[in-house]
Amino acid sequence: MATSRVVQQGVKQVKPLLSVDRTEARRRVLNLYKAWHRQIPYTVMHFDIPVTIPQARAKLRELFLKNKHVTDIRAIDMLVIKGQMDLVETTNIWKQANHVMAYFKDTVNPKPTDFLSKFYEGQD
């Protein structure tokens, strides 16, 4: 009983970053997604990247779904803040084309750990 009271007091003392509850955090995430979705055609045009608009929107969806499992409201708010900062940097063209293209980088294969795999890869 005493431990549950301590946990409840700890939860009460944690101050929210932006959102008070889960619905407000969800609204912030959806607004950020919509803002990025609207900005994609201008980003593709201004940075002159070799990506079509549907490919960029698919990557946007993939990046948002990557953090789908996050349930902590403070973590969601922090991700939204970082996403908004990234959107501002992209919109104001403070980034370069290679920074934008870094989102489209293929997944990196893990380095080999056993002897034969290292030998085949040509590593020491």
C-alpha atoms as a PDB file:
ATOM      1  CA  MET A   1       0.000   0.000   0.000  1.00  0.00           C
ATOM      2  CA  ALA A   2       2.759   2.437   0.860  1.00  0.00           C
ATOM      3  CA  THR A   3       4.537   1.895  -2.442  1.00  0.00           C
ATOM      4  CA  SER A   4       1.405   2.590  -4.472  1.00  0.00           C
ATOM      5  CA  ARG A   5       0.909   5.876  -2.610  1.00  0.00           C
ATOM      6  CA  VAL A   6       4.515   6.874  -3.375  1.00  0.00           C
ATOM      7  CA  VAL A   7       4.005   6.037  -7.046  1.00  0.00           C
ATOM      8  CA  GLN A   8       0.807   8.079  -7.170  1.00  0.00           C
ATOM      9  CA  GLN A   9       2.556  11.056  -5.573  1.00  0.00           C
ATOM     10  CA  GLY A  10       5.380  10.724  -8.125  1.00  0.00           C
ATOM     11  CA  VAL A  11       2.877  10.797 -10.954  1.00  0.00           C
ATOM     12  CA  LYS A  12       1.232  13.905  -9.536  1.00  0.00           C
ATOM     13  CA  GLN A  13       4.553  15.738  -9.262  1.00  0.00           C
ATOM     14  CA  VAL A  14       5.577  15.202 -12.869  1.00  0.00           C
ATOM     15  CA  LYS A  15       4.877  18.377 -14.799  1.00  0.00           C
ATOM     16  CA  PRO A  16       3.627  17.991 -18.396  1.00  0.00           C
ATOM     17  CA  LEU A  17       5.646  19.575 -21.191  1.00  0.00           C
ATOM     18  CA  LEU A  18       2.783  20.628 -23.458  1.00  0.00           C
ATOM     19  CA  SER A  19      -0.089  18.163 -23.369  1.00  0.00           C
ATOM     20  CA  VAL A  20      -2.192  17.502 -20.315  1.00  0.00           C
ATOM     21  CA  ASP A  21      -3.778  14.280 -21.513  1.00  0.00           C
ATOM     22  CA  ARG A  22      -3.515  11.693 -24.265  1.00  0.00           C
ATOM     23  CA  THR A  23      -6.124  13.308 -26.559  1.00  0.00           C
ATOM     24  CA  GLU A  24      -4.276  16.619 -26.564  1.00  0.00           C
ATOM     25  CA  ALA A  25      -0.990  14.837 -27.356  1.00  0.00           C
ATOM     26  CA  ARG A  26      -2.715  12.979 -30.195  1.00  0.00           C
ATOM     27  CA  ARG A  27      -4.041  16.278 -31.560  1.00  0.00           C
ATOM     28  CA  ARG A  28      -0.549  17.775 -31.503  1.00  0.00           C
ATOM     29  CA  VAL A  29       0.882  14.769 -33.349  1.00  0.00           C
ATOM     30  CA  LEU A  30      -1.822  14.917 -36.013  1.00  0.00           C
ATOM     31  CA  ASN A  31      -1.300  18.664 -36.477  1.00  0.00           C
ATOM     32  CA  LEU A  32       2.425  18.108 -36.918  1.00  0.00           C
ATOM     33  CA  TYR A  33       1.756  15.310 -39.421  1.00  0.00           C
ATOM     34  CA  LYS A  34      -0.599  17.552 -41.416  1.00  0.00           C
ATOM     35  CA  ALA A  35       1.917  20.404 -41.416  1.00  0.00           C
ATOM     36  CA  TRP A  36       4.662  18.112 -42.732  1.00  0.00           C
ATOM     37  CA  HIS A  37       2.239  16.638 -45.288  1.00  0.00           C
ATOM     38  CA  ARG A  38       1.415  20.113 -46.607  1.00  0.00           C
ATOM     39  CA  GLN A  39       5.088  21.127 -46.693  1.00  0.00           C
ATOM     40  CA  ILE A  40       6.364  18.121 -48.685  1.00  0.00           C
ATOM     41  CA  PRO A  41       5.684  19.482 -52.226  1.00  0.00           C
ATOM     42  CA  TYR A  42       7.554  22.704 -51.412  1.00  0.00           C
ATOM     43  CA  THR A  43      10.416  20.784 -49.831  1.00  0.00           C
ATOM     44  CA  VAL A  44      10.809  18.551 -52.880  1.00  0.00           C
ATOM     45  CA  MET A  45      10.722  21.590 -55.153  1.00  0.00           C
ATOM     46  CA  HIS A  46      13.063  23.877 -53.157  1.00  0.00           C
ATOM     47  CA  PHE A  47      15.699  21.283 -52.361  1.00  0.00           C
ATOM     48  CA  ASP A  48      15.509  19.701 -55.847  1.00  0.00           C
ATOM     49  CA  ILE A  49      15.838  16.188 -54.458  1.00  0.00           C
ATOM     50  CA  PRO A  50      15.398  13.098 -56.663  1.00  0.00           C
ATOM     51  CA  VAL A  51      12.287  11.965 -54.800  1.00  0.00           C
ATOM     52  CA  THR A  52       8.679  12.145 -55.928  1.00  0.00           C
ATOM     53  CA  ILE A  53       6.002  13.630 -53.716  1.00  0.00           C
ATOM     54  CA  PRO A  54       4.279  10.254 -53.096  1.00  0.00           C
ATOM     55  CA  GLN A  55       7.630   8.723 -52.090  1.00  0.00           C
ATOM     56  CA  ALA A  56       8.267  11.592 -49.674  1.00  0.00           C
ATOM     57  CA  ARG A  57       4.805  11.243 -48.160  1.00  0.00           C
ATOM     58  CA  ALA A  58       5.318   7.491 -47.766  1.00  0.00           C
ATOM     59  CA  LYS A  59       8.596   8.177 -45.945  1.00  0.00           C
ATOM     60  CA  LEU A  60       6.815  10.718 -43.722  1.00  0.00           C
ATOM     61  CA  ARG A  61       4.232   8.099 -42.816  1.00  0.00           C
ATOM     62  CA  GLU A  62       6.982   5.569 -42.122  1.00  0.00           C
ATOM     63  CA  LEU A  63       8.824   7.981 -39.832  1.00  0.00           C
ATOM     64  CA  PHE A  64       5.674   8.765 -37.874  1.00  0.00           C
ATOM     65  CA  LEU A  65       4.728   5.088 -37.577  1.00  0.00           C
ATOM     66  CA  LYS A  66       8.219   4.333 -36.277  1.00  0.00           C
ATOM     67  CA  ASN A  67       7.257   6.093 -33.021  1.00  0.00           C
ATOM     68  CA  LYS A  68       3.776   4.616 -32.858  1.00  0.00           C
ATOM     69  CA  HIS A  69       4.603   2.541 -29.780  1.00  0.00           C
ATOM     70  CA  VAL A  70       5.421   5.588 -27.597  1.00  0.00           C
ATOM     71  CA  THR A  71       2.756   6.021 -24.931  1.00  0.00           C
ATOM     72  CA  ASP A  72       4.348   8.404 -22.417  1.00  0.00           C
ATOM     73  CA  ILE A  73       2.804  11.844 -22.884  1.00  0.00           C
ATOM     74  CA  ARG A  74       6.049  13.655 -22.031  1.00  0.00           C
ATOM     75  CA  ALA A  75       7.971  11.579 -24.591  1.00  0.00           C
ATOM     76  CA  ILE A  76       5.294  12.266 -27.211  1.00  0.00           C
ATOM     77  CA  ASP A  77       5.522  15.987 -26.477  1.00  0.00           C
ATOM     78  CA  MET A  78       9.305  15.892 -26.804  1.00  0.00           C
ATOM     79  CA  LEU A  79       9.052  14.113 -30.161  1.00  0.00           C
ATOM     80  CA  VAL A  80       6.497  16.702 -31.321  1.00  0.00           C
ATOM     81  CA  ILE A  81       8.793  19.556 -30.265  1.00  0.00           C
ATOM     82  CA  LYS A  82      11.709  18.010 -32.168  1.00  0.00           C
ATOM     83  CA  GLY A  83       9.483  17.461 -35.194  1.00  0.00           C
ATOM     84  CA  GLN A  84       8.345  21.076 -35.136  1.00  0.00           C
ATOM     85  CA  MET A  85      11.944  22.280 -34.904  1.00  0.00           C
ATOM     86  CA  ASP A  86      12.849  20.068 -37.839  1.00  0.00           C
ATOM     87  CA  LEU A  87       9.898  21.404 -39.830  1.00  0.00           C
ATOM     88  CA  VAL A  88      10.931  25.003 -39.184  1.00  0.00           C
ATOM     89  CA  GLU A  89      14.507  24.263 -40.230  1.00  0.00           C
ATOM     90  CA  THR A  90      13.298  22.606 -43.424  1.00  0.00           C
ATOM     91  CA  THR A  91      10.744  25.310 -44.209  1.00  0.00           C
ATOM     92  CA  ASN A  92      13.242  28.139 -43.761  1.00  0.00           C
ATOM     93  CA  ILE A  93      15.751  26.224 -45.906  1.00  0.00           C
ATOM     94  CA  TRP A  94      18.323  26.174 -43.118  1.00  0.00           C
ATOM     95  CA  LYS A  95      19.074  22.602 -44.114  1.00  0.00           C
ATOM     96  CA  GLN A  96      20.890  21.448 -47.195  1.00  0.00           C
ATOM     97  CA  ALA A  97      19.715  18.851 -49.675  1.00  0.00           C
ATOM     98  CA  ASN A  98      21.922  16.150 -48.155  1.00  0.00           C
ATOM     99  CA  HIS A  99      20.251  16.709 -44.768  1.00  0.00           C
ATOM    100  CA  VAL A 100      16.848  16.124 -46.317  1.00  0.00           C
ATOM    101  CA  MET A 101      18.102  13.108 -48.269  1.00  0.00           C
ATOM    102  CA  ALA A 102      19.354  11.558 -45.014  1.00  0.00           C
ATOM    103  CA  TYR A 103      15.719  10.646 -44.283  1.00  0.00           C
ATOM    104  CA  PHE A 104      15.717   8.421 -47.365  1.00  0.00           C
ATOM    105  CA  LYS A 105      18.844   6.521 -46.437  1.00  0.00           C
ATOM    106  CA  ASP A 106      18.424   2.765 -46.591  1.00  0.00           C
ATOM    107  CA  THR A 107      18.580   0.818 -43.401  1.00  0.00           C
ATOM    108  CA  VAL A 108      22.109  -0.054 -42.346  1.00  0.00           C
ATOM    109  CA  ASN A 109      22.986  -3.727 -42.243  1.00  0.00           C
ATOM    110  CA  PRO A 110      24.405  -4.822 -38.899  1.00  0.00           C
ATOM    111  CA  LYS A 111      28.129  -5.468 -38.792  1.00  0.00           C
ATOM    112  CA  PRO A 112      29.103  -9.129 -38.871  1.00  0.00           C
ATOM    113  CA  THR A 113      30.172 -10.666 -35.575  1.00  0.00           C
ATOM    114  CA  ASP A 114      31.433 -14.148 -36.414  1.00  0.00           C
ATOM    115  CA  PHE A 115      34.724 -14.912 -38.151  1.00  0.00           C
ATOM    116  CA  LEU A 116      33.395 -16.137 -41.491  1.00  0.00           C
ATOM    117  CA  SER A 117      31.001 -13.237 -41.934  1.00  0.00           C
ATOM    118  CA  LYS A 118      33.796 -10.773 -41.210  1.00  0.00           C
ATOM    119  CA  PHE A 119      36.026 -12.642 -43.665  1.00  0.00           C
ATOM    120  CA  TYR A 120      33.388 -12.505 -46.404  1.00  0.00           C
ATOM    121  CA  GLU A 121      32.830  -8.789 -45.782  1.00  0.00           C
ATOM    122  CA  GLY A 122      36.561  -8.107 -45.918  1.00  0.00           C
ATOM    123  CA  GLN A 123      36.799  -6.757 -42.383  1.00  0.00           C
ATOM    124  CA  ASP A 124      39.528  -7.579 -39.880  1.00  0.00           C
END
